[in-house]
Amino acid sequence: MSVLITNIGELVTNAGPDGAFASISDAAVVLDGGLIAWTGAAAGAPAADERVDAAGRAVLPGFVDSHAHLVFAGERSAEFAARMAGLPYVAGGIASTVAATRAASDETLRANLHRLASEMLAQGTTTFECKSGYGLTVADEARSVGLAAEVTPEVTYLGAHVVPPEFGGDAARYVDLVCGDMLAACAPAARWVDVFCERGAFDGDAARAVLAAGEAAGLQARVHANQLGPGPGVQVAVAAAAASADHCTFLSAADVDALASARRTVATLLPGVEFATRSPYPDARLLLDAGVTVALASDCNPGSCFTSSMPLCIALAVREMRMTTQEAVWAATRGGARALRRRDVGHLEVGARADLVMLDAPSHAYLAYRPGVPLIAGVWSAGRHVA
């Protein structure tokens, strides 16, 4: 059935020039066949099979979370508490999650994955990416991407997360496995290949090898870049025409210039990580003023950022990274879609997928204006009211 949502206080369409933020006041939208069929002023809305009165609430595109690690077992609250007491974050705790994930049954991993996916949906996230990376054996990475594929088409093979303990620090030998048997086992269920290009993980040469092997297997590139300090990650991502360089916390002027020149590589910022690790926030204002395309994502994972809340990430981006409310909402919707190279989500133009979020508020600005308040009044996925 077609659905008319009318009496919308603010309808965020992201239908401005080149897909920029745009909104309509006193608006309506028609959903039909899982797609957006019409948008405009409420007074001119066509008839539909079903009518929903938004009562002056705001309606936005569903959030697009382009960076999440949801296939894991165990938890790391003690590590978080230690960081809050002053211990610096160095990514060393990944090994504990790897051990717990390897020991967990498929049923345990699946239950946790579905719980987190449901948690995301209830908070307005209608599209999300999901990485492997906590198995680090051929069998465990293959089951991780297989489980992720049950809940999203945006599956990322992250065998190159860290070098597992059994390799004794021999990164070259492990990269051979990542680019060989492990890739062959994971590529059929994945769309993306990712690498943690960082001190303590993989250097530039290793990252380039992993991305090249992934591309040869039909996967598109993403990169964890410049999170813990300056490094080659952003330059590796740009050279590989990666869809995104994620984190971008420590950037040189050359890194910013490279991202500004490389229109195909989105800078995906993850402010929940800085919140949870007490690290410096990325300079979103510098990137935006340079013309870089910026996305926001949760980086939901059990160690460095255990939140699935895109509204929280929007509020942090506005408060801590000097983004405007419009920039932050765009980055969490159409920006995330660009980081996933998706044209069908992140906006509410005619023909787009009918993924919408209704706020219990009259404006998108309330996502930052009222942080921590449960503002999601309704969620539609492919035209169906799901939350």
Protein backbone atom coordinates (compact mmCIF):
# COMPACT_ATOMS: atom_id res chain seq x y z
CA MET A 1 0.00 0.00 0.00
CA SER A 2 1.04 3.60 -0.53
CA VAL A 3 1.58 5.64 2.64
CA LEU A 4 1.22 9.40 3.03
CA ILE A 5 3.08 10.91 5.98
CA THR A 6 1.77 14.44 6.32
CA ASN A 7 1.83 17.41 8.68
CA ILE A 8 5.64 17.11 8.90
CA GLY A 9 7.23 20.09 10.63
CA GLU A 10 10.56 19.66 8.81
CA LEU A 11 11.24 17.11 6.07
CA VAL A 12 14.99 16.71 5.51
CA THR A 13 15.44 15.54 1.92
CA ASN A 14 19.16 16.11 1.24
CA ALA A 15 18.04 17.07 -2.25
CA GLY A 16 20.03 20.28 -2.60
CA PRO A 17 22.60 20.96 -5.35
CA ASP A 18 24.94 17.96 -5.67
CA GLY A 19 22.92 16.21 -2.98
CA ALA A 20 23.47 18.87 -0.33
CA PHE A 21 21.38 19.24 2.82
CA ALA A 22 17.91 20.54 2.05
CA SER A 23 14.60 20.52 3.89
CA ILE A 24 10.93 21.39 3.40
CA SER A 25 8.71 22.95 6.08
CA ASP A 26 5.04 21.99 6.56
CA ALA A 27 5.71 19.00 4.34
CA ALA A 28 4.52 15.57 3.34
CA VAL A 29 6.03 12.47 1.77
CA VAL A 30 4.46 9.51 -0.04
CA LEU A 31 5.95 6.00 0.18
CA ASP A 32 4.99 3.43 -2.43
CA GLY A 33 6.52 0.10 -3.37
CA GLY A 34 9.34 0.57 -0.89
CA LEU A 35 10.43 3.85 -2.53
CA ILE A 36 9.85 7.57 -2.15
CA ALA A 37 7.07 8.43 -4.59
CA TRP A 38 6.48 12.12 -3.82
CA THR A 39 7.67 14.94 -1.53
CA GLY A 40 6.46 18.50 -1.15
CA ALA A 41 4.22 20.86 0.77
CA ALA A 42 1.56 19.11 2.83
CA ALA A 43 -1.15 21.24 1.23
CA GLY A 44 -0.40 19.72 -2.17
CA ALA A 45 0.01 16.09 -1.13
CA PRO A 46 -1.71 13.42 -3.25
CA ALA A 47 -3.98 10.77 -1.80
CA ALA A 48 -2.59 7.43 -0.59
CA ASP A 49 -3.89 4.16 0.80
CA GLU A 50 -2.75 4.98 4.33
CA ARG A 51 -2.30 8.33 6.08
CA VAL A 52 0.11 9.01 8.97
CA ASP A 53 -0.12 12.34 10.81
CA ALA A 54 3.35 13.47 11.91
CA ALA A 55 1.80 16.15 14.14
CA GLY A 56 4.55 18.65 13.36
CA ARG A 57 7.44 16.25 13.95
CA ALA A 58 10.61 16.21 11.83
CA VAL A 59 11.27 13.41 9.32
CA LEU A 60 14.78 12.57 8.11
CA PRO A 61 16.42 9.94 5.92
CA GLY A 62 17.33 6.84 7.89
CA PHE A 63 20.86 7.02 9.30
CA VAL A 64 23.59 5.29 7.29
CA ASP A 65 26.27 3.85 9.60
CA SER A 66 29.23 3.05 7.37
CA HIS A 67 31.63 1.66 10.01
CA ALA A 68 30.74 -0.97 12.62
CA HIS A 69 32.26 -4.14 14.12
CA LEU A 70 29.30 -6.22 15.28
CA VAL A 71 30.47 -9.85 15.01
CA PHE A 72 32.17 -10.53 18.32
CA ALA A 73 31.83 -12.17 21.72
CA GLY A 74 32.74 -10.91 25.16
CA GLU A 75 32.99 -7.40 26.52
CA ARG A 76 35.72 -5.00 27.65
CA SER A 77 34.19 -2.76 30.29
CA ALA A 78 37.21 -3.16 32.58
CA GLU A 79 39.43 -1.81 29.79
CA PHE A 80 37.10 1.18 29.39
CA ALA A 81 37.16 1.87 33.13
CA ALA A 82 40.96 1.74 33.09
CA ARG A 83 41.08 4.27 30.26
CA MET A 84 38.79 6.59 32.17
CA ALA A 85 41.23 6.27 35.07
CA GLY A 86 44.09 7.41 32.85
CA LEU A 87 45.40 4.41 30.89
CA PRO A 88 45.96 5.43 27.22
CA TYR A 89 44.25 3.57 24.38
CA VAL A 90 46.72 1.58 22.23
CA ALA A 91 44.37 -0.97 20.55
CA GLY A 92 45.96 -3.84 22.47
CA GLY A 93 42.66 -5.10 23.81
CA ILE A 94 41.61 -6.43 20.41
CA ALA A 95 43.39 -9.69 21.27
CA SER A 96 40.98 -10.36 24.15
CA THR A 97 37.98 -9.99 21.83
CA VAL A 98 39.65 -12.28 19.30
CA ALA A 99 40.03 -14.98 21.97
CA ALA A 100 36.39 -14.65 23.07
CA THR A 101 35.10 -14.64 19.50
CA ARG A 102 37.06 -17.73 18.51
CA ALA A 103 35.68 -19.58 21.54
CA ALA A 104 32.05 -18.55 20.93
CA SER A 105 29.49 -20.66 19.10
CA ASP A 106 27.79 -19.50 15.94
CA GLU A 107 24.58 -19.17 17.95
CA THR A 108 26.23 -16.85 20.48
CA LEU A 109 27.74 -14.65 17.78
CA ARG A 110 24.50 -14.56 15.81
CA ALA A 111 22.42 -13.61 18.85
CA ASN A 112 24.74 -10.72 19.74
CA LEU A 113 24.85 -9.55 16.13
CA HIS A 114 21.06 -9.52 15.79
CA ARG A 115 20.68 -7.77 19.15
CA LEU A 116 22.99 -4.96 18.03
CA ALA A 117 21.35 -4.71 14.60
CA SER A 118 17.96 -4.34 16.31
CA GLU A 119 19.43 -1.75 18.67
CA MET A 120 20.67 0.24 15.66
CA LEU A 121 17.28 0.10 13.94
CA ALA A 122 15.47 1.35 17.04
CA GLN A 123 17.78 4.39 17.02
CA GLY A 124 17.08 5.20 13.38
CA THR A 125 19.88 3.39 11.56
CA THR A 126 18.37 1.75 8.48
CA THR A 127 21.62 0.94 6.60
CA PHE A 128 24.84 -0.24 8.20
CA GLU A 129 28.18 -1.77 7.33
CA CYS A 130 29.56 -4.69 9.35
CA LYS A 131 33.19 -5.85 9.53
CA SER A 132 34.86 -9.12 10.40
CA GLY A 133 38.23 -8.87 12.14
CA TYR A 134 37.80 -10.63 15.48
CA GLY A 135 38.42 -14.15 14.18
CA LEU A 136 41.79 -13.86 12.41
CA THR A 137 41.83 -17.48 11.28
CA VAL A 138 40.51 -18.68 7.94
CA ALA A 139 37.55 -20.46 9.54
CA ASP A 140 36.69 -17.72 12.02
CA GLU A 141 36.90 -14.89 9.49
CA ALA A 142 34.79 -16.89 7.01
CA ARG A 143 32.07 -17.47 9.59
CA SER A 144 32.23 -13.80 10.64
CA VAL A 145 31.55 -12.48 7.13
CA GLY A 146 28.90 -15.16 6.66
CA LEU A 147 27.08 -14.08 9.81
CA ALA A 148 27.37 -10.40 8.85
CA ALA A 149 25.84 -11.16 5.46
CA GLU A 150 22.71 -12.38 7.26
CA VAL A 151 21.93 -8.83 8.43
CA THR A 152 23.43 -6.44 5.84
CA PRO A 153 24.71 -6.42 2.24
CA GLU A 154 27.50 -4.08 3.37
CA VAL A 155 29.94 -6.72 4.62
CA THR A 156 33.63 -5.90 5.06
CA TYR A 157 36.46 -8.42 5.23
CA LEU A 158 38.90 -7.13 7.88
CA GLY A 159 41.31 -10.02 8.24
CA ALA A 160 44.02 -7.35 8.44
CA HIS A 161 42.85 -6.00 11.79
CA VAL A 162 45.87 -6.97 13.88
CA VAL A 163 48.47 -9.74 13.72
CA PRO A 164 47.12 -12.56 15.93
CA PRO A 165 49.29 -13.81 18.82
CA GLU A 166 50.09 -17.19 17.25
CA PHE A 167 52.10 -15.44 14.51
CA GLY A 168 54.58 -14.08 17.05
CA GLY A 169 54.60 -10.62 15.48
CA ASP A 170 55.44 -11.96 12.00
CA ALA A 171 53.27 -9.52 10.05
CA ALA A 172 54.59 -10.58 6.64
CA ARG A 173 53.62 -14.21 7.17
CA TYR A 174 50.17 -13.21 8.41
CA VAL A 175 49.62 -10.84 5.47
CA ASP A 176 50.31 -13.78 3.15
CA LEU A 177 47.44 -15.62 4.81
CA VAL A 178 45.16 -12.56 4.69
CA CYS A 179 45.84 -12.17 0.97
CA GLY A 180 45.63 -15.89 0.24
CA ASP A 181 43.49 -18.61 1.79
CA MET A 182 41.64 -16.26 4.16
CA LEU A 183 40.66 -13.89 1.36
CA ALA A 184 39.53 -16.77 -0.83
CA ALA A 185 37.27 -18.02 1.97
CA CYS A 186 35.80 -14.60 2.77
CA ALA A 187 35.45 -12.81 -0.56
CA PRO A 188 32.26 -14.59 -1.70
CA ALA A 189 30.28 -13.16 1.25
CA ALA A 190 31.88 -9.70 1.34
CA ARG A 191 31.64 -6.47 -0.64
CA TRP A 192 34.56 -4.60 0.93
CA VAL A 193 38.14 -5.19 2.07
CA ASP A 194 39.61 -3.13 4.91
CA VAL A 195 42.97 -2.85 6.68
CA PHE A 196 44.03 -1.27 9.97
CA CYS A 197 46.95 0.83 8.68
CA GLU A 198 48.39 1.96 11.97
CA ARG A 199 51.35 1.56 14.25
CA GLY A 200 50.96 -1.72 16.08
CA ALA A 201 48.93 -3.13 13.20
CA PHE A 202 49.95 -2.92 9.50
CA ASP A 203 52.33 -0.54 7.73
CA GLY A 204 51.78 1.13 4.37
CA ASP A 205 53.34 -1.65 2.30
CA ALA A 206 51.26 -4.34 4.02
CA ALA A 207 48.10 -2.24 3.64
CA ARG A 208 48.71 -1.75 -0.07
CA ALA A 209 49.21 -5.50 -0.52
CA VAL A 210 45.96 -6.34 1.30
CA LEU A 211 43.93 -3.81 -0.68
CA ALA A 212 45.41 -4.95 -4.00
CA ALA A 213 44.63 -8.59 -3.22
CA GLY A 214 41.11 -7.67 -2.19
CA GLU A 215 40.55 -5.69 -5.37
CA ALA A 216 41.78 -8.63 -7.46
CA ALA A 217 39.16 -10.76 -5.67
CA GLY A 218 36.40 -8.29 -6.57
CA LEU A 219 36.25 -6.36 -3.28
CA GLN A 220 36.27 -2.57 -2.92
CA ALA A 221 38.65 -0.82 -0.54
CA ARG A 222 38.19 0.90 2.82
CA VAL A 223 40.98 1.86 5.23
CA HIS A 224 41.32 2.44 8.99
CA ALA A 225 43.60 5.48 8.72
CA ASN A 226 45.48 7.86 11.02
CA GLN A 227 43.64 6.99 14.23
CA LEU A 228 46.45 6.61 16.75
CA GLY A 229 48.93 9.02 15.20
CA PRO A 230 50.29 10.35 11.91
CA GLY A 231 50.88 7.66 9.32
CA PRO A 232 50.42 6.56 5.72
CA GLY A 233 46.80 5.40 6.00
CA VAL A 234 45.10 8.34 4.30
CA GLN A 235 47.62 8.38 1.46
CA VAL A 236 47.19 4.61 1.01
CA ALA A 237 43.40 5.04 0.90
CA VAL A 238 43.52 7.84 -1.67
CA ALA A 239 46.02 5.99 -3.88
CA ALA A 240 43.78 2.92 -3.82
CA ALA A 241 40.68 5.02 -4.64
CA ALA A 242 39.17 3.63 -1.44
CA ALA A 243 35.56 4.48 -0.69
CA SER A 244 36.57 5.83 2.70
CA ALA A 245 39.45 6.64 4.99
CA ASP A 246 38.08 6.09 8.49
CA HIS A 247 39.08 7.87 11.75
CA CYS A 248 41.30 10.63 10.23
CA THR A 249 42.25 11.87 13.70
CA PHE A 250 45.88 12.84 13.02
CA LEU A 251 46.16 14.47 9.59
CA SER A 252 48.94 16.41 7.91
CA ALA A 253 48.28 19.23 5.47
CA ALA A 254 49.21 16.79 2.69
CA ASP A 255 46.59 14.32 3.95
CA VAL A 256 43.88 17.00 3.88
CA ASP A 257 44.94 18.07 0.39
CA ALA A 258 44.85 14.45 -0.80
CA LEU A 259 41.35 13.91 0.55
CA ALA A 260 40.15 17.18 -0.95
CA SER A 261 41.53 16.24 -4.35
CA ALA A 262 40.29 12.64 -4.27
CA ARG A 263 36.55 13.04 -4.61
CA ARG A 264 36.01 9.26 -4.45
CA THR A 265 37.43 8.87 -0.94
CA VAL A 266 35.19 10.00 1.94
CA ALA A 267 36.65 10.94 5.32
CA THR A 268 34.56 8.94 7.79
CA LEU A 269 34.79 10.39 11.29
CA LEU A 270 33.97 8.34 14.38
CA PRO A 271 33.48 10.72 17.32
CA GLY A 272 32.25 7.97 19.62
CA VAL A 273 35.79 6.59 19.61
CA GLU A 274 37.28 9.83 20.86
CA PHE A 275 34.54 10.03 23.50
CA ALA A 276 35.33 6.49 24.69
CA THR A 277 39.14 6.75 24.54
CA ARG A 278 39.70 10.39 25.56
CA SER A 279 41.66 10.90 22.35
CA PRO A 280 41.67 14.18 20.39
CA TYR A 281 38.66 14.64 18.13
CA PRO A 282 39.25 14.89 14.37
CA ASP A 283 39.18 18.40 12.94
CA ALA A 284 35.96 18.14 10.96
CA ARG A 285 35.88 21.89 10.38
CA LEU A 286 39.28 21.78 8.66
CA LEU A 287 38.15 18.94 6.39
CA LEU A 288 34.82 20.52 5.49
CA ASP A 289 36.36 23.91 4.77
CA ALA A 290 38.87 22.20 2.46
CA GLY A 291 36.01 20.62 0.49
CA VAL A 292 36.42 17.05 1.78
CA THR A 293 33.31 14.85 1.83
CA VAL A 294 32.72 13.84 5.46
CA ALA A 295 30.65 10.99 6.85
CA LEU A 296 29.83 10.12 10.45
CA ALA A 297 29.64 6.54 11.73
CA SER A 298 29.43 4.79 15.08
CA ASP A 299 32.39 2.37 14.97
CA CYS A 300 30.32 0.22 17.32
CA ASN A 301 32.73 -2.34 18.80
CA PRO A 302 33.37 -3.84 22.24
CA GLY A 303 36.67 -2.04 22.88
CA SER A 304 37.14 1.52 21.68
CA CYS A 305 33.50 2.58 21.19
CA PHE A 306 30.64 0.44 22.44
CA THR A 307 27.76 2.59 21.20
CA SER A 308 25.41 1.98 18.30
CA SER A 309 23.82 5.43 18.56
CA MET A 310 24.08 7.64 15.50
CA PRO A 311 22.16 10.40 17.35
CA LEU A 312 24.99 10.44 19.92
CA CYS A 313 27.57 10.66 17.14
CA ILE A 314 25.69 13.61 15.62
CA ALA A 315 25.60 15.41 18.96
CA LEU A 316 29.33 14.81 19.52
CA ALA A 317 30.16 16.02 16.01
CA VAL A 318 28.28 19.26 16.59
CA ARG A 319 29.64 19.90 20.09
CA GLU A 320 33.20 18.60 19.79
CA MET A 321 34.09 18.77 16.08
CA ARG A 322 32.55 22.15 15.18
CA MET A 323 30.09 20.78 12.64
CA THR A 324 26.80 22.56 12.13
CA THR A 325 23.64 20.59 12.84
CA GLN A 326 22.93 20.43 9.10
CA GLU A 327 26.46 19.21 8.31
CA ALA A 328 26.29 16.53 11.01
CA VAL A 329 22.90 15.19 9.93
CA TRP A 330 24.00 15.16 6.29
CA ALA A 331 27.21 13.31 7.24
CA ALA A 332 25.18 10.70 9.14
CA THR A 333 22.82 10.14 6.20
CA ARG A 334 23.97 11.06 2.69
CA GLY A 335 27.61 11.21 3.77
CA GLY A 336 27.42 7.64 5.05
CA ALA A 337 25.74 6.60 1.81
CA ARG A 338 28.63 8.07 -0.18
CA ALA A 339 31.10 6.23 2.04
CA LEU A 340 29.29 3.04 0.99
CA ARG A 341 28.89 4.21 -2.63
CA ARG A 342 25.13 3.90 -2.31
CA ARG A 343 22.84 6.16 -4.33
CA ASP A 344 19.57 4.72 -3.05
CA VAL A 345 19.82 5.72 0.61
CA GLY A 346 20.71 8.78 2.68
CA HIS A 347 18.21 11.08 0.93
CA LEU A 348 14.46 11.34 0.35
CA GLU A 349 14.27 12.23 -3.31
CA VAL A 350 11.73 10.51 -5.56
CA GLY A 351 12.99 7.03 -6.41
CA ALA A 352 15.15 6.65 -3.29
CA ARG A 353 14.62 3.75 -0.93
CA ALA A 354 11.89 4.69 1.57
CA ASP A 355 14.06 4.62 4.70
CA LEU A 356 12.89 7.33 7.10
CA VAL A 357 13.21 8.39 10.71
CA MET A 358 10.57 10.44 12.52
CA LEU A 359 11.77 12.47 15.50
CA ASP A 360 9.71 13.34 18.53
CA ALA A 361 10.82 16.92 17.83
CA PRO A 362 10.09 19.62 15.24
CA SER A 363 13.61 19.95 13.83
CA HIS A 364 16.71 17.89 12.98
CA ALA A 365 18.65 20.21 15.31
CA TYR A 366 17.12 18.45 18.33
CA LEU A 367 19.49 15.53 17.74
CA ALA A 368 22.26 17.77 19.11
CA TYR A 369 20.05 20.16 21.08
CA ARG A 370 18.66 17.36 23.29
CA PRO A 371 21.54 14.83 23.52
CA GLY A 372 20.86 11.58 25.29
CA VAL A 373 17.08 11.90 24.98
CA PRO A 374 15.27 9.11 23.08
CA LEU A 375 13.91 11.17 20.19
CA ILE A 376 13.17 8.43 17.64
CA ALA A 377 9.39 8.33 17.31
CA GLY A 378 9.21 6.04 14.26
CA VAL A 379 11.36 4.23 11.72
CA TRP A 380 10.40 3.09 8.22
CA SER A 381 12.60 0.67 6.24
CA ALA A 382 11.82 0.16 2.55
CA GLY A 383 8.45 1.75 3.22
CA ARG A 384 7.52 -0.50 6.16
CA HIS A 385 6.97 0.89 9.64
CA VAL A 386 9.47 -1.21 11.63
CA ALA A 387 10.04 0.71 14.87
